[in-house]
């Protein structure tokens, strides 16, 4: 498939794509460095620290989807976004169900 067959929203200028990747690299690096700083320096109470790390993880996921996987809210990318959201739902159900079963088994053992 050549570039002319793609819709206008799918065509990428190589310089624009390179800037996009550099912005993604910069944002991922800053978010990772901030998470490491919080984990090592522990400037917050434990509960707030876990919440901050979880928030940074969610922002990191959003940055990865936006800059590297090119998943955004444009009409031409909604199928990709729906696929990612469905996969996330399946994974959440599997992990949540496994944890529920483990806690149930733990309660029955004691």
C-alpha atoms as a PDB file:
ATOM      1  CA  UNK A   1       0.000   0.000   0.000  1.00  0.00           C
ATOM      2  CA  UNK A   2       1.563   3.278  -1.044  1.00  0.00           C
ATOM      3  CA  UNK A   3       1.100   6.665   0.599  1.00  0.00           C
ATOM      4  CA  UNK A   4      -1.461   7.823  -1.988  1.00  0.00           C
ATOM      5  CA  UNK A   5      -3.870   5.012  -1.013  1.00  0.00           C
ATOM      6  CA  UNK A   6      -3.999   6.174   2.604  1.00  0.00           C
ATOM      7  CA  UNK A   7      -6.477   8.777   3.851  1.00  0.00           C
ATOM      8  CA  UNK A   8      -5.046  12.239   4.587  1.00  0.00           C
ATOM      9  CA  UNK A   9      -5.037  11.605   8.350  1.00  0.00           C
ATOM     10  CA  UNK A  10      -2.861   8.497   7.842  1.00  0.00           C
ATOM     11  CA  UNK A  11      -0.165  10.119   5.688  1.00  0.00           C
ATOM     12  CA  UNK A  12       2.937  11.095   7.630  1.00  0.00           C
ATOM     13  CA  UNK A  13       5.675  13.529   6.794  1.00  0.00           C
ATOM     14  CA  UNK A  14       9.010  11.888   7.789  1.00  0.00           C
ATOM     15  CA  UNK A  15      10.158  15.011   9.669  1.00  0.00           C
ATOM     16  CA  UNK A  16       6.865  15.250  11.507  1.00  0.00           C
ATOM     17  CA  UNK A  17       7.051  11.546  12.376  1.00  0.00           C
ATOM     18  CA  UNK A  18      10.614  11.990  13.679  1.00  0.00           C
ATOM     19  CA  UNK A  19       9.544  14.952  15.858  1.00  0.00           C
ATOM     20  CA  UNK A  20       6.631  12.875  17.116  1.00  0.00           C
ATOM     21  CA  UNK A  21       8.975  10.044  18.124  1.00  0.00           C
ATOM     22  CA  UNK A  22      11.395  12.468  19.804  1.00  0.00           C
ATOM     23  CA  UNK A  23       8.532  13.994  21.805  1.00  0.00           C
ATOM     24  CA  UNK A  24       7.501  10.497  22.849  1.00  0.00           C
ATOM     25  CA  UNK A  25      11.042   9.627  23.863  1.00  0.00           C
ATOM     26  CA  UNK A  26      11.358  12.836  25.874  1.00  0.00           C
ATOM     27  CA  UNK A  27       8.029  12.374  27.645  1.00  0.00           C
ATOM     28  CA  UNK A  28       8.713   8.710  28.417  1.00  0.00           C
ATOM     29  CA  UNK A  29      12.184   9.574  29.743  1.00  0.00           C
ATOM     30  CA  UNK A  30      10.892  12.385  31.970  1.00  0.00           C
ATOM     31  CA  UNK A  31       8.051  10.260  33.338  1.00  0.00           C
ATOM     32  CA  UNK A  32      10.406   7.340  34.031  1.00  0.00           C
ATOM     33  CA  UNK A  33      12.986   9.578  35.722  1.00  0.00           C
ATOM     34  CA  UNK A  34      10.276  11.167  37.854  1.00  0.00           C
ATOM     35  CA  UNK A  35       8.971   7.749  38.907  1.00  0.00           C
ATOM     36  CA  UNK A  36      12.482   6.596  39.829  1.00  0.00           C
ATOM     37  CA  UNK A  37      13.063   9.817  41.792  1.00  0.00           C
ATOM     38  CA  UNK A  38       9.831   9.327  43.737  1.00  0.00           C
ATOM     39  CA  UNK A  39      10.652   5.688  44.456  1.00  0.00           C
ATOM     40  CA  UNK A  40      14.190   6.405  45.650  1.00  0.00           C
ATOM     41  CA  UNK A  41      13.771   9.749  47.473  1.00  0.00           C
ATOM     42  CA  UNK A  42      10.344   8.910  48.995  1.00  0.00           C
ATOM     43  CA  UNK A  43       9.287  12.553  49.461  1.00  0.00           C
ATOM     44  CA  UNK A  44       5.668  11.555  50.125  1.00  0.00           C
ATOM     45  CA  UNK A  45       3.853   9.320  52.596  1.00  0.00           C
ATOM     46  CA  UNK A  46       3.459   5.719  51.445  1.00  0.00           C
ATOM     47  CA  UNK A  47      -0.176   6.037  50.326  1.00  0.00           C
ATOM     48  CA  UNK A  48       0.462   9.228  48.387  1.00  0.00           C
ATOM     49  CA  UNK A  49       3.630   7.773  46.914  1.00  0.00           C
ATOM     50  CA  UNK A  50       1.753   4.747  45.573  1.00  0.00           C
ATOM     51  CA  UNK A  51      -0.974   7.006  44.168  1.00  0.00           C
ATOM     52  CA  UNK A  52       1.617   9.243  42.486  1.00  0.00           C
ATOM     53  CA  UNK A  53       3.432   6.250  40.980  1.00  0.00           C
ATOM     54  CA  UNK A  54       0.137   4.821  39.746  1.00  0.00           C
ATOM     55  CA  UNK A  55      -0.775   8.167  38.185  1.00  0.00           C
ATOM     56  CA  UNK A  56       2.625   8.392  36.511  1.00  0.00           C
ATOM     57  CA  UNK A  57       2.143   4.846  35.188  1.00  0.00           C
ATOM     58  CA  UNK A  58      -1.205   5.803  33.633  1.00  0.00           C
ATOM     59  CA  UNK A  59       0.300   8.908  32.029  1.00  0.00           C
ATOM     60  CA  UNK A  60       3.193   6.770  30.744  1.00  0.00           C
ATOM     61  CA  UNK A  61       0.717   4.323  29.171  1.00  0.00           C
ATOM     62  CA  UNK A  62      -1.167   7.195  27.522  1.00  0.00           C
ATOM     63  CA  UNK A  63       2.102   8.634  26.180  1.00  0.00           C
ATOM     64  CA  UNK A  64       3.170   5.254  24.810  1.00  0.00           C
ATOM     65  CA  UNK A  65      -0.179   4.803  23.032  1.00  0.00           C
ATOM     66  CA  UNK A  66      -0.157   8.341  21.651  1.00  0.00           C
ATOM     67  CA  UNK A  67       3.433   8.733  20.505  1.00  0.00           C
ATOM     68  CA  UNK A  68       4.575   5.217  19.623  1.00  0.00           C
ATOM     69  CA  UNK A  69       1.439   3.210  18.812  1.00  0.00           C
ATOM     70  CA  UNK A  70      -0.306   6.210  17.187  1.00  0.00           C
ATOM     71  CA  UNK A  71      -3.579   5.482  18.981  1.00  0.00           C
ATOM     72  CA  UNK A  72      -5.568   8.683  19.438  1.00  0.00           C
ATOM     73  CA  UNK A  73      -9.147   9.914  19.186  1.00  0.00           C
ATOM     74  CA  UNK A  74      -9.133  10.667  15.451  1.00  0.00           C
ATOM     75  CA  UNK A  75     -11.914   8.991  13.546  1.00  0.00           C
ATOM     76  CA  UNK A  76      -9.519   6.849  11.477  1.00  0.00           C
ATOM     77  CA  UNK A  77      -7.820   5.475  14.620  1.00  0.00           C
ATOM     78  CA  UNK A  78     -10.926   4.604  16.641  1.00  0.00           C
ATOM     79  CA  UNK A  79     -10.780   0.943  15.623  1.00  0.00           C
ATOM     80  CA  UNK A  80      -7.277   0.713  17.059  1.00  0.00           C
ATOM     81  CA  UNK A  81      -8.430   2.425  20.248  1.00  0.00           C
ATOM     82  CA  UNK A  82     -11.372   0.039  20.606  1.00  0.00           C
ATOM     83  CA  UNK A  83      -9.052  -2.932  20.138  1.00  0.00           C
ATOM     84  CA  UNK A  84      -6.689  -1.644  22.842  1.00  0.00           C
ATOM     85  CA  UNK A  85      -9.561  -0.918  25.238  1.00  0.00           C
ATOM     86  CA  UNK A  86     -11.056  -4.387  24.704  1.00  0.00           C
ATOM     87  CA  UNK A  87      -7.671  -6.027  25.294  1.00  0.00           C
ATOM     88  CA  UNK A  88      -7.311  -3.967  28.481  1.00  0.00           C
ATOM     89  CA  UNK A  89     -10.757  -5.085  29.621  1.00  0.00           C
ATOM     90  CA  UNK A  90      -9.924  -8.753  29.039  1.00  0.00           C
ATOM     91  CA  UNK A  91      -6.630  -8.408  30.913  1.00  0.00           C
ATOM     92  CA  UNK A  92      -8.339  -6.574  33.800  1.00  0.00           C
ATOM     93  CA  UNK A  93     -10.966  -9.312  34.045  1.00  0.00           C
ATOM     94  CA  UNK A  94      -8.313 -12.039  34.047  1.00  0.00           C
ATOM     95  CA  UNK A  95      -6.148 -10.339  36.678  1.00  0.00           C
ATOM     96  CA  UNK A  96      -9.131  -9.320  38.816  1.00  0.00           C
ATOM     97  CA  UNK A  97     -10.625 -12.805  38.640  1.00  0.00           C
ATOM     98  CA  UNK A  98      -7.312 -14.412  39.553  1.00  0.00           C
ATOM     99  CA  UNK A  99      -6.865 -12.128  42.561  1.00  0.00           C
ATOM    100  CA  UNK A 100     -10.445 -12.778  43.657  1.00  0.00           C
ATOM    101  CA  UNK A 101      -9.904 -16.548  43.462  1.00  0.00           C
ATOM    102  CA  UNK A 102      -6.619 -16.321  45.375  1.00  0.00           C
ATOM    103  CA  UNK A 103      -8.160 -14.263  48.194  1.00  0.00           C
ATOM    104  CA  UNK A 104     -11.119 -16.646  48.333  1.00  0.00           C
ATOM    105  CA  UNK A 105      -8.771 -19.637  48.611  1.00  0.00           C
ATOM    106  CA  UNK A 106      -6.729 -17.830  51.263  1.00  0.00           C
ATOM    107  CA  UNK A 107      -9.875 -17.156  53.297  1.00  0.00           C
ATOM    108  CA  UNK A 108     -10.906 -20.823  53.110  1.00  0.00           C
ATOM    109  CA  UNK A 109      -7.469 -22.032  54.210  1.00  0.00           C
ATOM    110  CA  UNK A 110      -7.463 -20.072  57.464  1.00  0.00           C
END
